Amino acid sequence: MTTLATAVPLPAEPPSDEELVARIVAGDAALFEILMRRYNQRVYRAVRAVLRGDDEVEDVMQQAYLNAYQHLGQFQGRARFSTWLTRIAVNEALARLRRRGQHEDAGEPDAMIRLVDESQPDPERQTVTSELRDVLEREVAALPDAFRLVLILRDVEGLSTAEAAATLEISEDNVKTRLHRARTLLRDNLYRRAGVTLDSLFVFGNARCDRVVAAVMAKL
């Protein structure tokens, strides 16, 4: 008896950033939602490393996405799209601080960075010990701005030294120096005592992700 093998179609590869950018520039604006959802987590973390208030962070995220959309035609692929987008977000956040003529005071309780969104239940975070996580959050929030931003990009988002340098438009040696200082200030024993991993921090998703995407898509 001969058994005919049934061909199982392989899942289609998701479109690359470059493919999406080309199609959006050609007129398919709806595809911009894919890019936003792909990088909402990174953009949120980068902006949150500069600003504090949730409303302001989301407002800056929306403006950064709109800026990116309006200048997609200028993206030439010399750096990764994610690096290009994160640089826009960081610059928008820093510009917001400059317009206010002030820096955030990370030492005040109301200005403490919230590394997780506690308004929505998330099974992925149920195993994280909230008390110890809060200790780590406060220590990260207390870092000087320049150190905190490098730490978020390198240790939380996992950017390479070169990518972080390109995003912040500083030298790779400067990135290494700031990261070393940030890690020293946090202390290795704090990481061990906290019992959490850095990739569990600055979670952005669920309703907040949908809200930012919907707000930007409505303006395109």
N, C-alpha and C. Protein backbone atom coordinates (compact mmCIF):
# COMPACT_ATOMS: atom_id res chain seq x y z
N MET A 1 0.86 -1.19 0.00
CA MET A 1 0.00 0.00 0.00
C MET A 1 0.89 1.23 0.00
N THR A 2 0.56 2.15 -0.84
CA THR A 2 1.33 3.39 -0.93
C THR A 2 0.58 4.50 -0.21
N THR A 3 1.27 5.13 0.70
CA THR A 3 0.66 6.23 1.44
C THR A 3 1.18 7.55 0.90
N LEU A 4 0.25 8.36 0.49
CA LEU A 4 0.63 9.66 -0.04
C LEU A 4 0.85 10.63 1.12
N ALA A 5 2.01 11.21 1.14
CA ALA A 5 2.32 12.17 2.21
C ALA A 5 1.57 13.47 1.96
N THR A 6 0.98 13.96 3.00
CA THR A 6 0.26 15.23 2.90
C THR A 6 1.21 16.37 3.25
N ALA A 7 1.36 17.26 2.33
CA ALA A 7 2.26 18.38 2.56
C ALA A 7 1.65 19.33 3.59
N VAL A 8 2.43 19.63 4.60
CA VAL A 8 1.98 20.57 5.62
C VAL A 8 2.62 21.92 5.33
N PRO A 9 1.82 22.92 5.04
CA PRO A 9 2.40 24.23 4.72
C PRO A 9 3.13 24.82 5.91
N LEU A 10 4.28 25.35 5.64
CA LEU A 10 5.05 25.99 6.70
C LEU A 10 4.44 27.35 7.02
N PRO A 11 4.51 27.75 8.29
CA PRO A 11 3.95 29.06 8.63
C PRO A 11 4.72 30.17 7.94
N ALA A 12 4.00 31.16 7.49
CA ALA A 12 4.64 32.27 6.79
C ALA A 12 5.49 33.07 7.77
N GLU A 13 6.65 33.49 7.30
CA GLU A 13 7.51 34.32 8.13
C GLU A 13 6.89 35.70 8.28
N PRO A 14 6.93 36.25 9.49
CA PRO A 14 6.39 37.61 9.65
C PRO A 14 7.22 38.59 8.83
N PRO A 15 6.60 39.62 8.31
CA PRO A 15 7.34 40.58 7.49
C PRO A 15 8.41 41.29 8.31
N SER A 16 9.53 41.55 7.69
CA SER A 16 10.61 42.25 8.38
C SER A 16 10.24 43.72 8.56
N ASP A 17 10.98 44.38 9.42
CA ASP A 17 10.75 45.81 9.62
C ASP A 17 10.92 46.56 8.30
N GLU A 18 11.95 46.19 7.56
CA GLU A 18 12.22 46.89 6.30
C GLU A 18 11.09 46.69 5.30
N GLU A 19 10.54 45.48 5.25
CA GLU A 19 9.42 45.22 4.35
C GLU A 19 8.20 46.04 4.75
N LEU A 20 7.94 46.09 6.04
CA LEU A 20 6.79 46.86 6.52
C LEU A 20 6.97 48.34 6.21
N VAL A 21 8.16 48.87 6.45
CA VAL A 21 8.41 50.28 6.19
C VAL A 21 8.17 50.59 4.72
N ALA A 22 8.69 49.74 3.84
CA ALA A 22 8.52 49.97 2.40
C ALA A 22 7.05 49.99 2.01
N ARG A 23 6.27 49.07 2.57
CA ARG A 23 4.85 49.00 2.22
C ARG A 23 4.07 50.17 2.82
N ILE A 24 4.47 50.61 4.01
CA ILE A 24 3.80 51.76 4.61
C ILE A 24 4.09 53.02 3.81
N VAL A 25 5.35 53.20 3.43
CA VAL A 25 5.72 54.37 2.63
C VAL A 25 4.99 54.36 1.30
N ALA A 26 4.72 53.15 0.79
CA ALA A 26 4.00 53.02 -0.48
C ALA A 26 2.51 53.30 -0.34
N GLY A 27 2.04 53.46 0.90
CA GLY A 27 0.64 53.83 1.08
C GLY A 27 -0.19 52.95 1.98
N ASP A 28 0.37 51.84 2.46
CA ASP A 28 -0.41 50.93 3.30
C ASP A 28 -0.22 51.31 4.77
N ALA A 29 -0.87 52.41 5.18
CA ALA A 29 -0.68 52.95 6.52
C ALA A 29 -1.12 51.99 7.62
N ALA A 30 -2.07 51.11 7.33
CA ALA A 30 -2.58 50.20 8.36
C ALA A 30 -1.49 49.30 8.92
N LEU A 31 -0.45 49.04 8.13
CA LEU A 31 0.63 48.16 8.59
C LEU A 31 1.47 48.79 9.69
N PHE A 32 1.32 50.10 9.89
CA PHE A 32 2.09 50.74 10.95
C PHE A 32 1.72 50.18 12.31
N GLU A 33 0.50 49.65 12.43
CA GLU A 33 0.09 49.04 13.69
C GLU A 33 0.99 47.87 14.06
N ILE A 34 1.44 47.11 13.07
CA ILE A 34 2.32 45.97 13.35
C ILE A 34 3.62 46.45 13.97
N LEU A 35 4.18 47.51 13.41
CA LEU A 35 5.44 48.04 13.94
C LEU A 35 5.25 48.56 15.36
N MET A 36 4.13 49.23 15.61
CA MET A 36 3.89 49.74 16.96
C MET A 36 3.78 48.60 17.97
N ARG A 37 3.02 47.59 17.64
CA ARG A 37 2.85 46.47 18.57
C ARG A 37 4.17 45.70 18.73
N ARG A 38 4.97 45.68 17.69
CA ARG A 38 6.25 44.98 17.76
C ARG A 38 7.21 45.68 18.71
N TYR A 39 7.14 47.00 18.78
CA TYR A 39 8.13 47.75 19.56
C TYR A 39 7.53 48.58 20.69
N ASN A 40 6.26 48.39 21.01
CA ASN A 40 5.66 49.14 22.12
C ASN A 40 6.41 48.93 23.42
N GLN A 41 6.83 47.70 23.68
CA GLN A 41 7.53 47.41 24.93
C GLN A 41 8.83 48.20 25.03
N ARG A 42 9.61 48.17 23.96
CA ARG A 42 10.90 48.87 23.98
C ARG A 42 10.70 50.38 24.08
N VAL A 43 9.77 50.92 23.30
CA VAL A 43 9.54 52.36 23.33
C VAL A 43 9.06 52.80 24.71
N TYR A 44 8.17 52.02 25.29
CA TYR A 44 7.68 52.35 26.63
C TYR A 44 8.82 52.39 27.64
N ARG A 45 9.65 51.37 27.62
CA ARG A 45 10.75 51.30 28.58
C ARG A 45 11.72 52.46 28.39
N ALA A 46 12.01 52.81 27.15
CA ALA A 46 12.94 53.90 26.89
C ALA A 46 12.38 55.23 27.38
N VAL A 47 11.11 55.48 27.10
CA VAL A 47 10.50 56.74 27.54
C VAL A 47 10.36 56.75 29.06
N ARG A 48 10.03 55.60 29.63
CA ARG A 48 9.83 55.50 31.08
C ARG A 48 11.13 55.72 31.84
N ALA A 49 12.26 55.49 31.18
CA ALA A 49 13.55 55.74 31.81
C ALA A 49 13.84 57.23 31.93
N VAL A 50 13.10 58.05 31.18
CA VAL A 50 13.31 59.50 31.19
C VAL A 50 12.21 60.21 31.97
N LEU A 51 10.97 59.80 31.76
CA LEU A 51 9.82 60.46 32.36
C LEU A 51 9.18 59.58 33.42
N ARG A 52 8.22 60.13 34.17
CA ARG A 52 7.62 59.40 35.27
C ARG A 52 6.12 59.19 35.12
N GLY A 53 5.37 60.26 34.89
CA GLY A 53 3.92 60.16 34.89
C GLY A 53 3.40 59.28 33.78
N ASP A 54 2.48 58.37 34.10
CA ASP A 54 1.95 57.45 33.10
C ASP A 54 1.31 58.18 31.93
N ASP A 55 0.51 59.20 32.22
CA ASP A 55 -0.16 59.93 31.14
C ASP A 55 0.85 60.59 30.22
N GLU A 56 1.87 61.20 30.81
CA GLU A 56 2.88 61.87 30.00
C GLU A 56 3.68 60.87 29.18
N VAL A 57 4.00 59.73 29.76
CA VAL A 57 4.75 58.71 29.04
C VAL A 57 3.97 58.26 27.81
N GLU A 58 2.69 57.98 27.97
CA GLU A 58 1.89 57.53 26.83
C GLU A 58 1.74 58.64 25.80
N ASP A 59 1.63 59.88 26.25
CA ASP A 59 1.53 61.00 25.33
C ASP A 59 2.81 61.12 24.50
N VAL A 60 3.96 60.98 25.15
CA VAL A 60 5.24 61.05 24.44
C VAL A 60 5.38 59.87 23.48
N MET A 61 4.94 58.70 23.90
CA MET A 61 4.98 57.54 23.01
C MET A 61 4.19 57.80 21.74
N GLN A 62 2.99 58.33 21.90
CA GLN A 62 2.15 58.61 20.73
C GLN A 62 2.82 59.62 19.81
N GLN A 63 3.40 60.68 20.39
CA GLN A 63 4.06 61.69 19.57
C GLN A 63 5.27 61.10 18.87
N ALA A 64 6.01 60.24 19.56
CA ALA A 64 7.18 59.61 18.94
C ALA A 64 6.77 58.74 17.76
N TYR A 65 5.69 57.99 17.92
CA TYR A 65 5.21 57.16 16.81
C TYR A 65 4.76 58.02 15.63
N LEU A 66 4.07 59.11 15.92
CA LEU A 66 3.63 60.00 14.85
C LEU A 66 4.84 60.62 14.14
N ASN A 67 5.85 61.02 14.92
CA ASN A 67 7.07 61.56 14.31
C ASN A 67 7.73 60.51 13.41
N ALA A 68 7.79 59.28 13.91
CA ALA A 68 8.40 58.21 13.12
C ALA A 68 7.61 57.97 11.83
N TYR A 69 6.30 57.93 11.94
CA TYR A 69 5.46 57.69 10.76
C TYR A 69 5.67 58.79 9.72
N GLN A 70 5.71 60.03 10.18
CA GLN A 70 5.86 61.16 9.26
C GLN A 70 7.22 61.19 8.58
N HIS A 71 8.20 60.51 9.17
CA HIS A 71 9.55 60.53 8.61
C HIS A 71 10.02 59.15 8.15
N LEU A 72 9.08 58.24 7.95
CA LEU A 72 9.47 56.90 7.51
C LEU A 72 10.24 56.94 6.20
N GLY A 73 9.90 57.87 5.36
CA GLY A 73 10.60 57.98 4.08
C GLY A 73 12.07 58.31 4.22
N GLN A 74 12.45 58.82 5.38
CA GLN A 74 13.85 59.17 5.62
C GLN A 74 14.64 58.01 6.23
N PHE A 75 13.94 56.93 6.60
CA PHE A 75 14.65 55.77 7.17
C PHE A 75 15.40 55.07 6.04
N GLN A 76 16.72 55.03 6.16
CA GLN A 76 17.56 54.49 5.09
C GLN A 76 18.17 53.14 5.41
N GLY A 77 17.89 52.61 6.59
CA GLY A 77 18.37 51.28 6.90
C GLY A 77 19.82 51.19 7.32
N ARG A 78 20.46 52.33 7.58
CA ARG A 78 21.86 52.26 8.03
C ARG A 78 21.95 51.69 9.45
N ALA A 79 20.92 51.91 10.23
CA ALA A 79 20.78 51.28 11.55
C ALA A 79 19.50 50.46 11.53
N ARG A 80 19.32 49.61 12.52
CA ARG A 80 18.08 48.86 12.60
C ARG A 80 16.90 49.81 12.80
N PHE A 81 15.75 49.41 12.29
CA PHE A 81 14.56 50.24 12.48
C PHE A 81 14.29 50.44 13.97
N SER A 82 14.48 49.40 14.78
CA SER A 82 14.22 49.51 16.21
C SER A 82 15.12 50.56 16.86
N THR A 83 16.37 50.63 16.40
CA THR A 83 17.29 51.64 16.93
C THR A 83 16.84 53.04 16.53
N TRP A 84 16.46 53.18 15.26
CA TRP A 84 15.98 54.46 14.74
C TRP A 84 14.75 54.92 15.50
N LEU A 85 13.81 54.02 15.72
CA LEU A 85 12.57 54.35 16.42
C LEU A 85 12.83 54.70 17.88
N THR A 86 13.69 53.94 18.54
CA THR A 86 13.98 54.21 19.95
C THR A 86 14.67 55.55 20.12
N ARG A 87 15.53 55.89 19.18
CA ARG A 87 16.20 57.20 19.24
C ARG A 87 15.17 58.32 19.16
N ILE A 88 14.19 58.17 18.27
CA ILE A 88 13.13 59.18 18.16
C ILE A 88 12.37 59.30 19.48
N ALA A 89 12.06 58.17 20.10
CA ALA A 89 11.31 58.18 21.36
C ALA A 89 12.12 58.83 22.48
N VAL A 90 13.39 58.48 22.58
CA VAL A 90 14.25 59.07 23.62
C VAL A 90 14.38 60.57 23.40
N ASN A 91 14.59 60.98 22.16
CA ASN A 91 14.73 62.41 21.87
C ASN A 91 13.45 63.17 22.21
N GLU A 92 12.29 62.57 21.93
CA GLU A 92 11.02 63.22 22.25
C GLU A 92 10.85 63.35 23.76
N ALA A 93 11.25 62.31 24.51
CA ALA A 93 11.15 62.37 25.97
C ALA A 93 12.08 63.43 26.54
N LEU A 94 13.31 63.48 26.03
CA LEU A 94 14.26 64.48 26.51
C LEU A 94 13.81 65.89 26.15
N ALA A 95 13.22 66.03 24.96
CA ALA A 95 12.70 67.34 24.55
C ALA A 95 11.58 67.79 25.47
N ARG A 96 10.76 66.84 25.92
CA ARG A 96 9.69 67.18 26.85
C ARG A 96 10.27 67.73 28.15
N LEU A 97 11.34 67.12 28.63
CA LEU A 97 11.99 67.62 29.85
C LEU A 97 12.58 69.00 29.63
N ARG A 98 13.20 69.20 28.48
CA ARG A 98 13.81 70.51 28.21
C ARG A 98 12.75 71.60 28.13
N ARG A 99 11.61 71.27 27.52
CA ARG A 99 10.55 72.28 27.42
C ARG A 99 10.02 72.66 28.80
N ARG A 100 10.05 71.72 29.72
CA ARG A 100 9.63 72.02 31.08
C ARG A 100 10.73 72.73 31.85
N GLY A 101 11.95 72.65 31.34
CA GLY A 101 13.08 73.29 32.00
C GLY A 101 13.44 72.66 33.31
N GLN A 102 13.22 71.34 33.41
CA GLN A 102 13.51 70.68 34.67
C GLN A 102 13.81 69.22 34.41
N HIS A 103 14.34 68.56 35.43
CA HIS A 103 14.56 67.12 35.42
C HIS A 103 13.70 66.50 36.49
N GLU A 104 13.35 65.25 36.26
CA GLU A 104 12.54 64.55 37.25
C GLU A 104 13.36 64.30 38.51
N ASP A 105 12.71 64.34 39.65
CA ASP A 105 13.36 64.00 40.91
C ASP A 105 13.03 62.56 41.24
N ALA A 106 13.98 61.67 40.95
CA ALA A 106 13.73 60.24 41.15
C ALA A 106 13.67 59.87 42.61
N GLY A 107 14.07 60.78 43.49
CA GLY A 107 14.06 60.45 44.90
C GLY A 107 12.70 60.58 45.56
N GLU A 108 11.77 61.30 44.93
CA GLU A 108 10.45 61.47 45.51
C GLU A 108 9.59 60.26 45.24
N PRO A 109 8.80 59.80 46.22
CA PRO A 109 7.96 58.61 46.03
C PRO A 109 7.03 58.73 44.83
N ASP A 110 6.42 59.92 44.64
CA ASP A 110 5.48 60.07 43.53
C ASP A 110 6.16 60.00 42.18
N ALA A 111 7.48 60.22 42.17
CA ALA A 111 8.21 60.20 40.91
C ALA A 111 8.87 58.86 40.64
N MET A 112 8.61 57.88 41.50
CA MET A 112 9.26 56.58 41.34
C MET A 112 8.82 55.90 40.06
N ILE A 113 9.75 55.35 39.34
CA ILE A 113 9.42 54.60 38.14
C ILE A 113 8.61 53.37 38.52
N ARG A 114 7.50 53.15 37.84
CA ARG A 114 6.76 51.91 38.01
C ARG A 114 7.18 50.99 36.88
N LEU A 115 7.82 49.92 37.21
CA LEU A 115 8.37 49.02 36.20
C LEU A 115 7.34 48.06 35.65
N VAL A 116 6.18 47.97 36.27
CA VAL A 116 5.16 47.07 35.78
C VAL A 116 3.83 47.80 35.76
N ASP A 117 2.93 47.34 34.92
CA ASP A 117 1.58 47.87 34.86
C ASP A 117 0.70 47.01 35.74
N GLU A 118 0.34 47.54 36.90
CA GLU A 118 -0.42 46.74 37.85
C GLU A 118 -1.92 46.87 37.65
N SER A 119 -2.35 47.62 36.64
CA SER A 119 -3.78 47.80 36.42
C SER A 119 -4.40 46.60 35.71
N GLN A 120 -3.58 45.76 35.10
CA GLN A 120 -4.08 44.60 34.37
C GLN A 120 -3.43 43.33 34.91
N PRO A 121 -4.21 42.28 35.16
CA PRO A 121 -3.61 41.02 35.61
C PRO A 121 -2.78 40.40 34.50
N ASP A 122 -1.67 39.83 34.85
CA ASP A 122 -0.78 39.22 33.86
C ASP A 122 -0.18 37.97 34.48
N PRO A 123 -0.57 36.78 34.00
CA PRO A 123 -0.05 35.54 34.58
C PRO A 123 1.46 35.46 34.57
N GLU A 124 2.10 36.11 33.58
CA GLU A 124 3.55 36.04 33.47
C GLU A 124 4.24 36.70 34.66
N ARG A 125 3.53 37.59 35.37
CA ARG A 125 4.15 38.29 36.50
C ARG A 125 3.72 37.72 37.84
N GLN A 126 2.86 36.71 37.85
CA GLN A 126 2.33 36.21 39.11
C GLN A 126 3.40 35.58 39.99
N THR A 127 4.49 35.12 39.37
CA THR A 127 5.55 34.48 40.16
C THR A 127 6.57 35.49 40.69
N VAL A 128 6.43 36.74 40.29
CA VAL A 128 7.38 37.76 40.74
C VAL A 128 7.00 38.24 42.13
N THR A 129 7.94 38.23 43.04
CA THR A 129 7.68 38.70 44.40
C THR A 129 7.60 40.22 44.40
N SER A 130 6.39 40.72 44.68
CA SER A 130 6.15 42.15 44.51
C SER A 130 6.99 43.00 45.46
N GLU A 131 7.18 42.55 46.69
CA GLU A 131 7.94 43.36 47.64
C GLU A 131 9.39 43.54 47.19
N LEU A 132 10.00 42.45 46.73
CA LEU A 132 11.39 42.54 46.29
C LEU A 132 11.51 43.28 44.98
N ARG A 133 10.51 43.12 44.14
CA ARG A 133 10.52 43.85 42.88
C ARG A 133 10.48 45.35 43.14
N ASP A 134 9.68 45.76 44.12
CA ASP A 134 9.59 47.18 44.45
C ASP A 134 10.93 47.74 44.90
N VAL A 135 11.70 46.92 45.62
CA VAL A 135 13.03 47.36 46.04
C VAL A 135 13.90 47.64 44.82
N LEU A 136 13.87 46.72 43.87
CA LEU A 136 14.68 46.90 42.66
C LEU A 136 14.19 48.10 41.86
N GLU A 137 12.87 48.26 41.78
CA GLU A 137 12.32 49.40 41.05
C GLU A 137 12.80 50.72 41.64
N ARG A 138 12.79 50.80 42.95
CA ARG A 138 13.22 52.04 43.60
C ARG A 138 14.70 52.31 43.36
N GLU A 139 15.50 51.26 43.37
CA GLU A 139 16.93 51.44 43.12
C GLU A 139 17.19 51.89 41.69
N VAL A 140 16.47 51.31 40.75
CA VAL A 140 16.62 51.73 39.35
C VAL A 140 16.16 53.17 39.18
N ALA A 141 15.04 53.52 39.80
CA ALA A 141 14.51 54.88 39.70
C ALA A 141 15.47 55.91 40.28
N ALA A 142 16.25 55.50 41.27
CA ALA A 142 17.15 56.43 41.95
C ALA A 142 18.44 56.67 41.19
N LEU A 143 18.70 55.91 40.14
CA LEU A 143 19.92 56.11 39.36
C LEU A 143 19.90 57.46 38.66
N PRO A 144 21.07 58.07 38.46
CA PRO A 144 21.13 59.28 37.63
C PRO A 144 20.56 59.00 36.24
N ASP A 145 19.96 60.02 35.64
CA ASP A 145 19.27 59.83 34.37
C ASP A 145 20.11 59.11 33.32
N ALA A 146 21.34 59.56 33.13
CA ALA A 146 22.18 58.99 32.08
C ALA A 146 22.48 57.52 32.33
N PHE A 147 22.71 57.17 33.59
CA PHE A 147 22.99 55.77 33.92
C PHE A 147 21.74 54.91 33.77
N ARG A 148 20.61 55.44 34.22
CA ARG A 148 19.36 54.68 34.18
C ARG A 148 18.98 54.35 32.73
N LEU A 149 19.12 55.32 31.84
CA LEU A 149 18.72 55.10 30.45
C LEU A 149 19.59 54.04 29.79
N VAL A 150 20.90 54.09 30.03
CA VAL A 150 21.79 53.07 29.47
C VAL A 150 21.47 51.70 30.05
N LEU A 151 21.20 51.63 31.35
CA LEU A 151 20.86 50.36 31.98
C LEU A 151 19.60 49.76 31.37
N ILE A 152 18.59 50.59 31.14
CA ILE A 152 17.34 50.11 30.56
C ILE A 152 17.58 49.57 29.16
N LEU A 153 18.31 50.31 28.35
CA LEU A 153 18.54 49.87 26.97
C LEU A 153 19.40 48.62 26.90
N ARG A 154 20.43 48.54 27.73
CA ARG A 154 21.35 47.41 27.65
C ARG A 154 20.85 46.18 28.42
N ASP A 155 20.51 46.35 29.69
CA ASP A 155 20.21 45.20 30.53
C ASP A 155 18.74 44.80 30.51
N VAL A 156 17.86 45.74 30.30
CA VAL A 156 16.43 45.40 30.27
C VAL A 156 15.98 45.07 28.86
N GLU A 157 16.32 45.94 27.90
CA GLU A 157 15.90 45.71 26.51
C GLU A 157 16.87 44.84 25.73
N GLY A 158 18.07 44.66 26.22
CA GLY A 158 19.01 43.76 25.58
C GLY A 158 19.71 44.30 24.35
N LEU A 159 19.77 45.63 24.21
CA LEU A 159 20.49 46.20 23.07
C LEU A 159 21.98 45.93 23.23
N SER A 160 22.67 45.82 22.12
CA SER A 160 24.12 45.69 22.16
C SER A 160 24.72 47.05 22.50
N THR A 161 26.01 47.04 22.81
CA THR A 161 26.68 48.31 23.09
C THR A 161 26.59 49.24 21.89
N ALA A 162 26.79 48.69 20.70
CA ALA A 162 26.72 49.51 19.49
C ALA A 162 25.33 50.08 19.28
N GLU A 163 24.30 49.26 19.52
CA GLU A 163 22.92 49.73 19.34
C GLU A 163 22.57 50.81 20.35
N ALA A 164 22.99 50.63 21.59
CA ALA A 164 22.71 51.64 22.61
C ALA A 164 23.43 52.95 22.28
N ALA A 165 24.67 52.83 21.81
CA ALA A 165 25.43 54.02 21.44
C ALA A 165 24.75 54.76 20.29
N ALA A 166 24.27 54.00 19.30
CA ALA A 166 23.59 54.62 18.16
C ALA A 166 22.28 55.27 18.60
N THR A 167 21.57 54.62 19.50
CA THR A 167 20.30 55.15 19.98
C THR A 167 20.49 56.46 20.73
N LEU A 168 21.50 56.51 21.58
CA LEU A 168 21.74 57.69 22.42
C LEU A 168 22.69 58.68 21.79
N GLU A 169 23.28 58.30 20.64
CA GLU A 169 24.22 59.15 19.92
C GLU A 169 25.40 59.54 20.81
N ILE A 170 25.95 58.52 21.47
CA ILE A 170 27.16 58.68 22.27
C ILE A 170 28.13 57.58 21.85
N SER A 171 29.36 57.65 22.34
CA SER A 171 30.36 56.64 21.95
C SER A 171 30.10 55.32 22.68
N GLU A 172 30.62 54.25 22.11
CA GLU A 172 30.49 52.94 22.75
C GLU A 172 31.23 52.92 24.09
N ASP A 173 32.36 53.58 24.16
CA ASP A 173 33.09 53.65 25.44
C ASP A 173 32.25 54.35 26.50
N ASN A 174 31.52 55.37 26.09
CA ASN A 174 30.65 56.08 27.03
C ASN A 174 29.53 55.18 27.52
N VAL A 175 28.98 54.37 26.62
CA VAL A 175 27.94 53.42 27.01
C VAL A 175 28.50 52.44 28.05
N LYS A 176 29.68 51.91 27.77
CA LYS A 176 30.29 50.94 28.69
C LYS A 176 30.54 51.56 30.06
N THR A 177 31.02 52.79 30.07
CA THR A 177 31.31 53.46 31.34
C THR A 177 30.04 53.69 32.14
N ARG A 178 29.01 54.18 31.47
CA ARG A 178 27.75 54.46 32.17
C ARG A 178 27.11 53.17 32.68
N LEU A 179 27.19 52.12 31.87
CA LEU A 179 26.59 50.86 32.28
C LEU A 179 27.32 50.29 33.50
N HIS A 180 28.64 50.38 33.47
CA HIS A 180 29.42 49.89 34.62
C HIS A 180 29.05 50.66 35.88
N ARG A 181 28.92 51.97 35.77
CA ARG A 181 28.56 52.78 36.93
C ARG A 181 27.16 52.42 37.42
N ALA A 182 26.24 52.22 36.49
CA ALA A 182 24.86 51.88 36.87
C ALA A 182 24.82 50.55 37.61
N ARG A 183 25.52 49.57 37.06
CA ARG A 183 25.53 48.25 37.70
C ARG A 183 26.18 48.30 39.08
N THR A 184 27.23 49.11 39.18
CA THR A 184 27.90 49.23 40.47
C THR A 184 26.97 49.84 41.51
N LEU A 185 26.23 50.88 41.11
CA LEU A 185 25.33 51.54 42.03
C LEU A 185 24.21 50.61 42.49
N LEU A 186 23.77 49.77 41.59
CA LEU A 186 22.68 48.86 41.95
C LEU A 186 23.13 47.73 42.87
N ARG A 187 24.38 47.37 42.70
CA ARG A 187 24.99 46.31 43.50
C ARG A 187 24.47 44.91 43.12
N ASP A 188 25.42 44.03 42.93
CA ASP A 188 25.08 42.66 42.55
C ASP A 188 24.23 41.96 43.60
N ASN A 189 24.48 42.25 44.84
CA ASN A 189 23.70 41.56 45.87
C ASN A 189 22.24 41.97 45.87
N LEU A 190 21.93 43.18 45.34
CA LEU A 190 20.54 43.60 45.25
C LEU A 190 19.80 42.76 44.23
N TYR A 191 20.46 42.47 43.10
CA TYR A 191 19.84 41.61 42.10
C TYR A 191 19.53 40.24 42.70
N ARG A 192 20.51 39.68 43.42
CA ARG A 192 20.30 38.36 44.00
C ARG A 192 19.18 38.38 45.04
N ARG A 193 19.17 39.41 45.87
CA ARG A 193 18.16 39.50 46.93
C ARG A 193 16.77 39.75 46.35
N ALA A 194 16.70 40.49 45.27
CA ALA A 194 15.40 40.79 44.67
C ALA A 194 14.75 39.55 44.08
N GLY A 195 15.56 38.65 43.52
CA GLY A 195 15.02 37.42 42.98
C GLY A 195 14.17 37.59 41.74
N VAL A 196 14.43 38.66 40.96
CA VAL A 196 13.70 38.84 39.71
C VAL A 196 14.70 39.00 38.58
N THR A 197 14.25 38.80 37.37
CA THR A 197 15.09 39.00 36.20
C THR A 197 14.77 40.34 35.57
N LEU A 198 15.77 40.95 34.96
CA LEU A 198 15.57 42.28 34.40
C LEU A 198 14.56 42.29 33.26
N ASP A 199 14.43 41.16 32.53
CA ASP A 199 13.49 41.17 31.41
C ASP A 199 12.04 41.11 31.85
N SER A 200 11.79 41.05 33.18
CA SER A 200 10.42 41.10 33.67
C SER A 200 10.00 42.52 34.02
N LEU A 201 10.92 43.48 33.85
CA LEU A 201 10.64 44.86 34.24
C LEU A 201 10.04 45.66 33.10
N PHE A 202 9.42 46.77 33.44
CA PHE A 202 8.83 47.70 32.48
C PHE A 202 7.88 47.00 31.52
N VAL A 203 7.00 46.17 32.04
CA VAL A 203 6.05 45.45 31.19
C VAL A 203 4.99 46.42 30.69
N PHE A 204 4.73 46.37 29.42
CA PHE A 204 3.73 47.26 28.81
C PHE A 204 2.90 46.44 27.85
N GLY A 205 1.63 46.29 28.16
CA GLY A 205 0.80 45.47 27.28
C GLY A 205 -0.66 45.61 27.62
N ASN A 206 -1.47 44.65 27.13
CA ASN A 206 -2.89 44.62 27.41
C ASN A 206 -3.56 45.94 26.99
N ALA A 207 -4.39 46.50 27.87
CA ALA A 207 -5.19 47.67 27.51
C ALA A 207 -4.32 48.88 27.18
N ARG A 208 -3.19 49.03 27.86
CA ARG A 208 -2.34 50.20 27.61
C ARG A 208 -1.73 50.12 26.22
N CYS A 209 -1.29 48.94 25.83
CA CYS A 209 -0.76 48.75 24.47
C CYS A 209 -1.83 49.09 23.45
N ASP A 210 -3.05 48.55 23.66
CA ASP A 210 -4.15 48.81 22.73
C ASP A 210 -4.48 50.29 22.66
N ARG A 211 -4.43 50.99 23.81
CA ARG A 211 -4.79 52.40 23.85
C ARG A 211 -3.83 53.24 23.02
N VAL A 212 -2.53 52.98 23.15
CA VAL A 212 -1.55 53.75 22.39
C VAL A 212 -1.69 53.47 20.90
N VAL A 213 -1.84 52.18 20.54
CA VAL A 213 -1.99 51.82 19.14
C VAL A 213 -3.22 52.49 18.54
N ALA A 214 -4.35 52.42 19.24
CA ALA A 214 -5.59 52.99 18.73
C ALA A 214 -5.48 54.50 18.57
N ALA A 215 -4.84 55.17 19.53
CA ALA A 215 -4.71 56.62 19.46
C ALA A 215 -3.87 57.06 18.28
N VAL A 216 -2.78 56.32 18.02
CA VAL A 216 -1.92 56.68 16.89
C VAL A 216 -2.60 56.37 15.57
N MET A 217 -3.21 55.18 15.45
CA MET A 217 -3.86 54.81 14.20
C MET A 217 -4.98 55.77 13.85
N ALA A 218 -5.65 56.33 14.85
CA ALA A 218 -6.74 57.28 14.60
C ALA A 218 -6.23 58.59 14.02
N LYS A 219 -4.94 58.86 14.21
CA LYS A 219 -4.37 60.12 13.72
C LYS A 219 -3.66 59.98 12.38
N LEU A 220 -3.54 58.75 11.88
CA LEU A 220 -2.83 58.56 10.61
C LEU A 220 -3.73 58.94 9.44
